[in-house]
Amino acid sequence: MIAVSWLVAAAAILLAGVTLAVFGRPILALHVLLDLFLAAGLLRLSADASWATIAVTAGVVVLRQVVTRGLVAADSARAPSAQARVAR
């Protein structure tokens, strides 16, 4: 199961790069990367329930939440200025 978690982590990097190349949206690519890293962490946690694995998985969850909230706040702060430019 641990080998599968490494494959999911490698796929996360690859698919985030593909997402960025295809859609050109770094925020979407980051979401793909963090979601698949979370999946890899949960797979690893299911195979090895040590405190180190729990801490790493919890760290990924916290990082994902902080980054997601920060990106949403940045998008909402940037959106009014983009709408004002379109209105001109």
PDB file of N, CA and C in Angstrom:
ATOM      1  N   MET A   1       0.817  -1.196   0.000  1.00  0.00           N
ATOM      2  CA  MET A   1       0.000   0.000   0.000  1.00  0.00           C
ATOM      3  C   MET A   1       0.863   1.262   0.000  1.00  0.00           C
ATOM      4  N   ILE A   2       2.034   1.172   0.635  1.00  0.00           N
ATOM      5  CA  ILE A   2       2.918   2.331   0.670  1.00  0.00           C
ATOM      6  C   ILE A   2       3.436   2.650  -0.728  1.00  0.00           C
ATOM      7  N   ALA A   3       3.696   1.602  -1.527  1.00  0.00           N
ATOM      8  CA  ALA A   3       4.145   1.836  -2.906  1.00  0.00           C
ATOM      9  C   ALA A   3       3.063   2.537  -3.721  1.00  0.00           C
ATOM     10  N   VAL A   4       1.826   2.204  -3.450  1.00  0.00           N
ATOM     11  CA  VAL A   4       0.711   2.849  -4.155  1.00  0.00           C
ATOM     12  C   VAL A   4       0.641   4.327  -3.786  1.00  0.00           C
ATOM     13  N   SER A   5       0.917   4.647  -2.528  1.00  0.00           N
ATOM     14  CA  SER A   5       0.880   6.058  -2.119  1.00  0.00           C
ATOM     15  C   SER A   5       1.970   6.852  -2.833  1.00  0.00           C
ATOM     16  N   TRP A   6       3.132   6.240  -3.073  1.00  0.00           N
ATOM     17  CA  TRP A   6       4.182   6.916  -3.837  1.00  0.00           C
ATOM     18  C   TRP A   6       3.754   7.127  -5.284  1.00  0.00           C
ATOM     19  N   LEU A   7       3.045   6.149  -5.846  1.00  0.00           N
ATOM     20  CA  LEU A   7       2.541   6.311  -7.212  1.00  0.00           C
ATOM     21  C   LEU A   7       1.515   7.440  -7.302  1.00  0.00           C
ATOM     22  N   VAL A   8       0.661   7.546  -6.298  1.00  0.00           N
ATOM     23  CA  VAL A   8      -0.328   8.628  -6.280  1.00  0.00           C
ATOM     24  C   VAL A   8       0.368   9.973  -6.125  1.00  0.00           C
ATOM     25  N   ALA A   9       1.413  10.035  -5.309  1.00  0.00           N
ATOM     26  CA  ALA A   9       2.161  11.288  -5.145  1.00  0.00           C
ATOM     27  C   ALA A   9       2.853  11.682  -6.452  1.00  0.00           C
ATOM     28  N   ALA A  10       3.423  10.708  -7.150  1.00  0.00           N
ATOM     29  CA  ALA A  10       4.047  10.994  -8.443  1.00  0.00           C
ATOM     30  C   ALA A  10       2.996  11.428  -9.464  1.00  0.00           C
ATOM     31  N   ALA A  11       1.841  10.775  -9.437  1.00  0.00           N
ATOM     32  CA  ALA A  11       0.744  11.152 -10.337  1.00  0.00           C
ATOM     33  C   ALA A  11       0.251  12.559 -10.013  1.00  0.00           C
ATOM     34  N   ALA A  12       0.297  12.946  -8.746  1.00  0.00           N
ATOM     35  CA  ALA A  12      -0.121  14.298  -8.350  1.00  0.00           C
ATOM     36  C   ALA A  12       0.737  15.344  -9.035  1.00  0.00           C
ATOM     37  N   ILE A  13       2.038  15.123  -9.030  1.00  0.00           N
ATOM     38  CA  ILE A  13       2.952  16.082  -9.658  1.00  0.00           C
ATOM     39  C   ILE A  13       2.722  16.119 -11.162  1.00  0.00           C
ATOM     40  N   LEU A  14       2.613  14.945 -11.758  1.00  0.00           N
ATOM     41  CA  LEU A  14       2.393  14.858 -13.207  1.00  0.00           C
ATOM     42  C   LEU A  14       1.067  15.496 -13.611  1.00  0.00           C
ATOM     43  N   LEU A  15      -0.003  15.147 -12.917  1.00  0.00           N
ATOM     44  CA  LEU A  15      -1.324  15.663 -13.281  1.00  0.00           C
ATOM     45  C   LEU A  15      -1.473  17.155 -12.988  1.00  0.00           C
ATOM     46  N   ALA A  16      -0.798  17.643 -11.962  1.00  0.00           N
ATOM     47  CA  ALA A  16      -0.819  19.089 -11.714  1.00  0.00           C
ATOM     48  C   ALA A  16      -0.125  19.825 -12.858  1.00  0.00           C
ATOM     49  N   GLY A  17       0.965  19.266 -13.342  1.00  0.00           N
ATOM     50  CA  GLY A  17       1.646  19.863 -14.490  1.00  0.00           C
ATOM     51  C   GLY A  17       0.796  19.832 -15.745  1.00  0.00           C
ATOM     52  N   VAL A  18       0.112  18.719 -15.968  1.00  0.00           N
ATOM     53  CA  VAL A  18      -0.780  18.602 -17.130  1.00  0.00           C
ATOM     54  C   VAL A  18      -1.945  19.584 -17.003  1.00  0.00           C
ATOM     55  N   THR A  19      -2.484  19.692 -15.811  1.00  0.00           N
ATOM     56  CA  THR A  19      -3.587  20.642 -15.580  1.00  0.00           C
ATOM     57  C   THR A  19      -3.148  22.071 -15.877  1.00  0.00           C
ATOM     58  N   LEU A  20      -1.957  22.408 -15.434  1.00  0.00           N
ATOM     59  CA  LEU A  20      -1.428  23.754 -15.692  1.00  0.00           C
ATOM     60  C   LEU A  20      -1.210  23.973 -17.186  1.00  0.00           C
ATOM     61  N   ALA A  21      -0.690  22.956 -17.860  1.00  0.00           N
ATOM     62  CA  ALA A  21      -0.420  23.094 -19.295  1.00  0.00           C
ATOM     63  C   ALA A  21      -1.706  23.186 -20.110  1.00  0.00           C
ATOM     64  N   VAL A  22      -2.703  22.392 -19.749  1.00  0.00           N
ATOM     65  CA  VAL A  22      -3.942  22.350 -20.529  1.00  0.00           C
ATOM     66  C   VAL A  22      -4.824  23.560 -20.241  1.00  0.00           C
ATOM     67  N   PHE A  23      -5.029  23.863 -18.974  1.00  0.00           N
ATOM     68  CA  PHE A  23      -5.968  24.916 -18.612  1.00  0.00           C
ATOM     69  C   PHE A  23      -5.305  26.271 -18.359  1.00  0.00           C
ATOM     70  N   GLY A  24      -4.002  26.264 -18.076  1.00  0.00           N
ATOM     71  CA  GLY A  24      -3.301  27.507 -17.813  1.00  0.00           C
ATOM     72  C   GLY A  24      -3.746  28.213 -16.546  1.00  0.00           C
ATOM     73  N   ARG A  25      -4.274  27.440 -15.606  1.00  0.00           N
ATOM     74  CA  ARG A  25      -4.764  28.021 -14.346  1.00  0.00           C
ATOM     75  C   ARG A  25      -3.960  27.440 -13.180  1.00  0.00           C
ATOM     76  N   PRO A  26      -3.025  28.205 -12.635  1.00  0.00           N
ATOM     77  CA  PRO A  26      -2.193  27.685 -11.548  1.00  0.00           C
ATOM     78  C   PRO A  26      -2.990  27.301 -10.303  1.00  0.00           C
ATOM     79  N   ILE A  27      -4.061  28.016 -10.032  1.00  0.00           N
ATOM     80  CA  ILE A  27      -4.864  27.702  -8.848  1.00  0.00           C
ATOM     81  C   ILE A  27      -5.496  26.315  -8.986  1.00  0.00           C
ATOM     82  N   LEU A  28      -6.020  26.019 -10.157  1.00  0.00           N
ATOM     83  CA  LEU A  28      -6.610  24.700 -10.389  1.00  0.00           C
ATOM     84  C   LEU A  28      -5.555  23.607 -10.283  1.00  0.00           C
ATOM     85  N   ALA A  29      -4.374  23.865 -10.843  1.00  0.00           N
ATOM     86  CA  ALA A  29      -3.288  22.887 -10.765  1.00  0.00           C
ATOM     87  C   ALA A  29      -2.870  22.642  -9.318  1.00  0.00           C
ATOM     88  N   LEU A  30      -2.859  23.700  -8.527  1.00  0.00           N
ATOM     89  CA  LEU A  30      -2.504  23.551  -7.119  1.00  0.00           C
ATOM     90  C   LEU A  30      -3.561  22.744  -6.366  1.00  0.00           C
ATOM     91  N   HIS A  31      -4.818  22.956  -6.692  1.00  0.00           N
ATOM     92  CA  HIS A  31      -5.884  22.158  -6.075  1.00  0.00           C
ATOM     93  C   HIS A  31      -5.716  20.675  -6.414  1.00  0.00           C
ATOM     94  N   VAL A  32      -5.422  20.380  -7.672  1.00  0.00           N
ATOM     95  CA  VAL A  32      -5.209  18.989  -8.085  1.00  0.00           C
ATOM     96  C   VAL A  32      -4.034  18.399  -7.319  1.00  0.00           C
ATOM     97  N   LEU A  33      -2.938  19.145  -7.238  1.00  0.00           N
ATOM     98  CA  LEU A  33      -1.746  18.671  -6.542  1.00  0.00           C
ATOM     99  C   LEU A  33      -2.033  18.375  -5.075  1.00  0.00           C
ATOM    100  N   LEU A  34      -2.661  19.314  -4.385  1.00  0.00           N
ATOM    101  CA  LEU A  34      -2.908  19.133  -2.950  1.00  0.00           C
ATOM    102  C   LEU A  34      -3.934  18.041  -2.678  1.00  0.00           C
ATOM    103  N   ASP A  35      -4.946  17.922  -3.523  1.00  0.00           N
ATOM    104  CA  ASP A  35      -5.937  16.856  -3.320  1.00  0.00           C
ATOM    105  C   ASP A  35      -5.315  15.477  -3.499  1.00  0.00           C
ATOM    106  N   LEU A  36      -4.469  15.335  -4.502  1.00  0.00           N
ATOM    107  CA  LEU A  36      -3.833  14.031  -4.709  1.00  0.00           C
ATOM    108  C   LEU A  36      -2.754  13.750  -3.670  1.00  0.00           C
ATOM    109  N   PHE A  37      -2.066  14.783  -3.179  1.00  0.00           N
ATOM    110  CA  PHE A  37      -1.146  14.572  -2.060  1.00  0.00           C
ATOM    111  C   PHE A  37      -1.910  14.116  -0.819  1.00  0.00           C
ATOM    112  N   LEU A  38      -3.079  14.669  -0.600  1.00  0.00           N
ATOM    113  CA  LEU A  38      -3.913  14.231   0.519  1.00  0.00           C
ATOM    114  C   LEU A  38      -4.315  12.771   0.348  1.00  0.00           C
ATOM    115  N   ALA A  39      -4.699  12.395  -0.867  1.00  0.00           N
ATOM    116  CA  ALA A  39      -5.055  10.997  -1.130  1.00  0.00           C
ATOM    117  C   ALA A  39      -3.860  10.080  -0.870  1.00  0.00           C
ATOM    118  N   ALA A  40      -2.680  10.497  -1.296  1.00  0.00           N
ATOM    119  CA  ALA A  40      -1.478   9.687  -1.057  1.00  0.00           C
ATOM    120  C   ALA A  40      -1.201   9.559   0.439  1.00  0.00           C
ATOM    121  N   GLY A  41      -1.377  10.647   1.166  1.00  0.00           N
ATOM    122  CA  GLY A  41      -1.172  10.599   2.609  1.00  0.00           C
ATOM    123  C   GLY A  41      -2.156   9.685   3.307  1.00  0.00           C
ATOM    124  N   LEU A  42      -3.393   9.709   2.864  1.00  0.00           N
ATOM    125  CA  LEU A  42      -4.399   8.830   3.470  1.00  0.00           C
ATOM    126  C   LEU A  42      -4.135   7.365   3.139  1.00  0.00           C
ATOM    127  N   LEU A  43      -3.669   7.093   1.918  1.00  0.00           N
ATOM    128  CA  LEU A  43      -3.294   5.718   1.574  1.00  0.00           C
ATOM    129  C   LEU A  43      -2.142   5.241   2.450  1.00  0.00           C
ATOM    130  N   ARG A  44      -1.163   6.100   2.620  1.00  0.00           N
ATOM    131  CA  ARG A  44      -0.017   5.735   3.458  1.00  0.00           C
ATOM    132  C   ARG A  44      -0.459   5.540   4.907  1.00  0.00           C
ATOM    133  N   LEU A  45      -1.370   6.372   5.358  1.00  0.00           N
ATOM    134  CA  LEU A  45      -1.878   6.257   6.726  1.00  0.00           C
ATOM    135  C   LEU A  45      -2.626   4.940   6.930  1.00  0.00           C
ATOM    136  N   SER A  46      -3.320   4.484   5.903  1.00  0.00           N
ATOM    137  CA  SER A  46      -4.048   3.214   6.032  1.00  0.00           C
ATOM    138  C   SER A  46      -3.102   2.025   6.147  1.00  0.00           C
ATOM    139  N   ALA A  47      -1.882   2.152   5.611  1.00  0.00           N
ATOM    140  CA  ALA A  47      -0.924   1.055   5.673  1.00  0.00           C
ATOM    141  C   ALA A  47      -0.010   1.155   6.899  1.00  0.00           C
ATOM    142  N   ASP A  48       0.287   2.387   7.327  1.00  0.00           N
ATOM    143  CA  ASP A  48       1.240   2.588   8.410  1.00  0.00           C
ATOM    144  C   ASP A  48       0.705   3.676   9.328  1.00  0.00           C
ATOM    145  N   ALA A  49       0.070   3.278  10.411  1.00  0.00           N
ATOM    146  CA  ALA A  49      -0.567   4.243  11.307  1.00  0.00           C
ATOM    147  C   ALA A  49       0.385   4.700  12.408  1.00  0.00           C
ATOM    148  N   SER A  50       1.605   5.108  12.017  1.00  0.00           N
ATOM    149  CA  SER A  50       2.541   5.624  13.015  1.00  0.00           C
ATOM    150  C   SER A  50       2.253   7.113  13.248  1.00  0.00           C
ATOM    151  N   TRP A  51       2.817   7.633  14.328  1.00  0.00           N
ATOM    152  CA  TRP A  51       2.592   9.044  14.643  1.00  0.00           C
ATOM    153  C   TRP A  51       3.214   9.954  13.594  1.00  0.00           C
ATOM    154  N   ALA A  52       4.320   9.535  13.013  1.00  0.00           N
ATOM    155  CA  ALA A  52       4.956  10.349  11.971  1.00  0.00           C
ATOM    156  C   ALA A  52       4.053  10.449  10.745  1.00  0.00           C
ATOM    157  N   THR A  53       3.434   9.347  10.367  1.00  0.00           N
ATOM    158  CA  THR A  53       2.537   9.350   9.215  1.00  0.00           C
ATOM    159  C   THR A  53       1.292  10.181   9.496  1.00  0.00           C
ATOM    160  N   ILE A  54       0.783  10.078  10.710  1.00  0.00           N
ATOM    161  CA  ILE A  54      -0.373  10.883  11.091  1.00  0.00           C
ATOM    162  C   ILE A  54      -0.020  12.368  11.039  1.00  0.00           C
ATOM    163  N   ALA A  55       1.165  12.717  11.524  1.00  0.00           N
ATOM    164  CA  ALA A  55       1.598  14.123  11.524  1.00  0.00           C
ATOM    165  C   ALA A  55       1.765  14.655  10.106  1.00  0.00           C
ATOM    166  N   VAL A  56       2.341  13.861   9.218  1.00  0.00           N
ATOM    167  CA  VAL A  56       2.518  14.298   7.831  1.00  0.00           C
ATOM    168  C   VAL A  56       1.165  14.486   7.154  1.00  0.00           C
ATOM    169  N   THR A  57       0.259  13.554   7.350  1.00  0.00           N
ATOM    170  CA  THR A  57      -1.069  13.660   6.751  1.00  0.00           C
ATOM    171  C   THR A  57      -1.820  14.866   7.297  1.00  0.00           C
ATOM    172  N   ALA A  58      -1.731  15.090   8.601  1.00  0.00           N
ATOM    173  CA  ALA A  58      -2.373  16.275   9.189  1.00  0.00           C
ATOM    174  C   ALA A  58      -1.749  17.556   8.643  1.00  0.00           C
ATOM    175  N   GLY A  59      -0.447  17.544   8.432  1.00  0.00           N
ATOM    176  CA  GLY A  59       0.222  18.706   7.846  1.00  0.00           C
ATOM    177  C   GLY A  59      -0.263  18.998   6.437  1.00  0.00           C
ATOM    178  N   VAL A  60      -0.477  17.961   5.651  1.00  0.00           N
ATOM    179  CA  VAL A  60      -1.002  18.145   4.293  1.00  0.00           C
ATOM    180  C   VAL A  60      -2.410  18.717   4.349  1.00  0.00           C
ATOM    181  N   VAL A  61      -3.221  18.242   5.275  1.00  0.00           N
ATOM    182  CA  VAL A  61      -4.586  18.761   5.414  1.00  0.00           C
ATOM    183  C   VAL A  61      -4.559  20.242   5.794  1.00  0.00           C
ATOM    184  N   VAL A  62      -3.724  20.607   6.743  1.00  0.00           N
ATOM    185  CA  VAL A  62      -3.624  22.006   7.169  1.00  0.00           C
ATOM    186  C   VAL A  62      -3.104  22.870   6.026  1.00  0.00           C
ATOM    187  N   LEU A  63      -2.073  22.412   5.338  1.00  0.00           N
ATOM    188  CA  LEU A  63      -1.529  23.155   4.200  1.00  0.00           C
ATOM    189  C   LEU A  63      -2.579  23.357   3.122  1.00  0.00           C
ATOM    190  N   ARG A  64      -3.334  22.312   2.846  1.00  0.00           N
ATOM    191  CA  ARG A  64      -4.389  22.396   1.831  1.00  0.00           C
ATOM    192  C   ARG A  64      -5.442  23.429   2.221  1.00  0.00           C
ATOM    193  N   GLN A  65      -5.841  23.433   3.477  1.00  0.00           N
ATOM    194  CA  GLN A  65      -6.852  24.381   3.940  1.00  0.00           C
ATOM    195  C   GLN A  65      -6.333  25.824   3.884  1.00  0.00           C
ATOM    196  N   VAL A  66      -5.107  26.040   4.338  1.00  0.00           N
ATOM    197  CA  VAL A  66      -4.539  27.386   4.354  1.00  0.00           C
ATOM    198  C   VAL A  66      -4.378  27.916   2.935  1.00  0.00           C
ATOM    199  N   VAL A  67      -3.833  27.089   2.052  1.00  0.00           N
ATOM    200  CA  VAL A  67      -3.622  27.524   0.666  1.00  0.00           C
ATOM    201  C   VAL A  67      -4.952  27.783  -0.024  1.00  0.00           C
ATOM    202  N   THR A  68      -5.919  26.910   0.168  1.00  0.00           N
ATOM    203  CA  THR A  68      -7.219  27.083  -0.466  1.00  0.00           C
ATOM    204  C   THR A  68      -7.893  28.359   0.011  1.00  0.00           C
ATOM    205  N   ARG A  69      -7.873  28.602   1.305  1.00  0.00           N
ATOM    206  CA  ARG A  69      -8.502  29.828   1.835  1.00  0.00           C
ATOM    207  C   ARG A  69      -7.774  31.076   1.349  1.00  0.00           C
ATOM    208  N   GLY A  70      -6.464  31.009   1.280  1.00  0.00           N
ATOM    209  CA  GLY A  70      -5.695  32.142   0.789  1.00  0.00           C
ATOM    210  C   GLY A  70      -5.967  32.433  -0.675  1.00  0.00           C
ATOM    211  N   LEU A  71      -6.089  31.389  -1.482  1.00  0.00           N
ATOM    212  CA  LEU A  71      -6.348  31.582  -2.904  1.00  0.00           C
ATOM    213  C   LEU A  71      -7.765  32.093  -3.146  1.00  0.00           C
ATOM    214  N   VAL A  72      -8.711  31.618  -2.372  1.00  0.00           N
ATOM    215  CA  VAL A  72     -10.086  32.099  -2.515  1.00  0.00           C
ATOM    216  C   VAL A  72     -10.157  33.576  -2.117  1.00  0.00           C
ATOM    217  N   ALA A  73      -9.471  33.940  -1.051  1.00  0.00           N
ATOM    218  CA  ALA A  73      -9.459  35.345  -0.622  1.00  0.00           C
ATOM    219  C   ALA A  73      -8.788  36.225  -1.671  1.00  0.00           C
ATOM    220  N   ALA A  74      -7.707  35.732  -2.265  1.00  0.00           N
ATOM    221  CA  ALA A  74      -7.013  36.505  -3.303  1.00  0.00           C
ATOM    222  C   ALA A  74      -7.881  36.661  -4.535  1.00  0.00           C
ATOM    223  N   ASP A  75      -8.601  35.608  -4.906  1.00  0.00           N
ATOM    224  CA  ASP A  75      -9.497  35.689  -6.066  1.00  0.00           C
ATOM    225  C   ASP A  75     -10.631  36.668  -5.825  1.00  0.00           C
ATOM    226  N   SER A  76     -11.202  36.643  -4.628  1.00  0.00           N
ATOM    227  CA  SER A  76     -12.318  37.549  -4.348  1.00  0.00           C
ATOM    228  C   SER A  76     -11.840  38.995  -4.259  1.00  0.00           C
ATOM    229  N   ALA A  77     -10.611  39.209  -3.811  1.00  0.00           N
ATOM    230  CA  ALA A  77     -10.072  40.567  -3.753  1.00  0.00           C
ATOM    231  C   ALA A  77      -9.712  41.078  -5.142  1.00  0.00           C
ATOM    232  N   ARG A  78      -9.329  40.175  -6.024  1.00  0.00           N
ATOM    233  CA  ARG A  78      -8.933  40.560  -7.372  1.00  0.00           C
ATOM    234  C   ARG A  78     -10.142  40.708  -8.291  1.00  0.00           C
ATOM    235  N   ALA A  79     -11.221  40.036  -8.009  1.00  0.00           N
ATOM    236  CA  ALA A  79     -12.401  40.021  -8.891  1.00  0.00           C
ATOM    237  C   ALA A  79     -13.021  41.404  -9.102  1.00  0.00           C
ATOM    238  N   PRO A  80     -13.219  42.233  -8.093  1.00  0.00           N
ATOM    239  CA  PRO A  80     -13.832  43.546  -8.355  1.00  0.00           C
ATOM    240  C   PRO A  80     -13.004  44.417  -9.299  1.00  0.00           C
ATOM    241  N   SER A  81     -11.690  44.375  -9.190  1.00  0.00           N
ATOM    242  CA  SER A  81     -10.867  45.198 -10.078  1.00  0.00           C
ATOM    243  C   SER A  81     -10.954  44.705 -11.515  1.00  0.00           C
ATOM    244  N   ALA A  82     -11.069  43.395 -11.698  1.00  0.00           N
ATOM    245  CA  ALA A  82     -11.209  42.856 -13.048  1.00  0.00           C
ATOM    246  C   ALA A  82     -12.556  43.244 -13.633  1.00  0.00           C
ATOM    247  N   GLN A  83     -13.592  43.249 -12.809  1.00  0.00           N
ATOM    248  CA  GLN A  83     -14.920  43.654 -13.294  1.00  0.00           C
ATOM    249  C   GLN A  83     -14.946  45.140 -13.616  1.00  0.00           C
ATOM    250  N   ALA A  84     -14.214  45.950 -12.843  1.00  0.00           N
ATOM    251  CA  ALA A  84     -14.178  47.390 -13.110  1.00  0.00           C
ATOM    252  C   ALA A  84     -13.483  47.676 -14.431  1.00  0.00           C
ATOM    253  N   ARG A  85     -12.457  46.896 -14.768  1.00  0.00           N
ATOM    254  CA  ARG A  85     -11.772  47.102 -16.040  1.00  0.00           C
ATOM    255  C   ARG A  85     -12.650  46.723 -17.215  1.00  0.00           C
ATOM    256  N   VAL A  86     -13.465  45.700 -17.046  1.00  0.00           N
ATOM    257  CA  VAL A  86     -14.373  45.276 -18.121  1.00  0.00           C
ATOM    258  C   VAL A  86     -15.453  46.317 -18.329  1.00  0.00           C
ATOM    259  N   ALA A  87     -15.921  46.960 -17.246  1.00  0.00           N
ATOM    260  CA  ALA A  87     -16.984  47.936 -17.340  1.00  0.00           C
ATOM    261  C   ALA A  87     -16.540  49.215 -18.046  1.00  0.00           C
ATOM    262  N   ARG A  88     -15.251  49.494 -18.031  1.00  0.00           N
ATOM    263  CA  ARG A  88     -14.745  50.728 -18.657  1.00  0.00           C
ATOM    264  C   ARG A  88     -14.806  50.637 -20.119  1.00  0.00           C
TER     265      ARG A  88
END
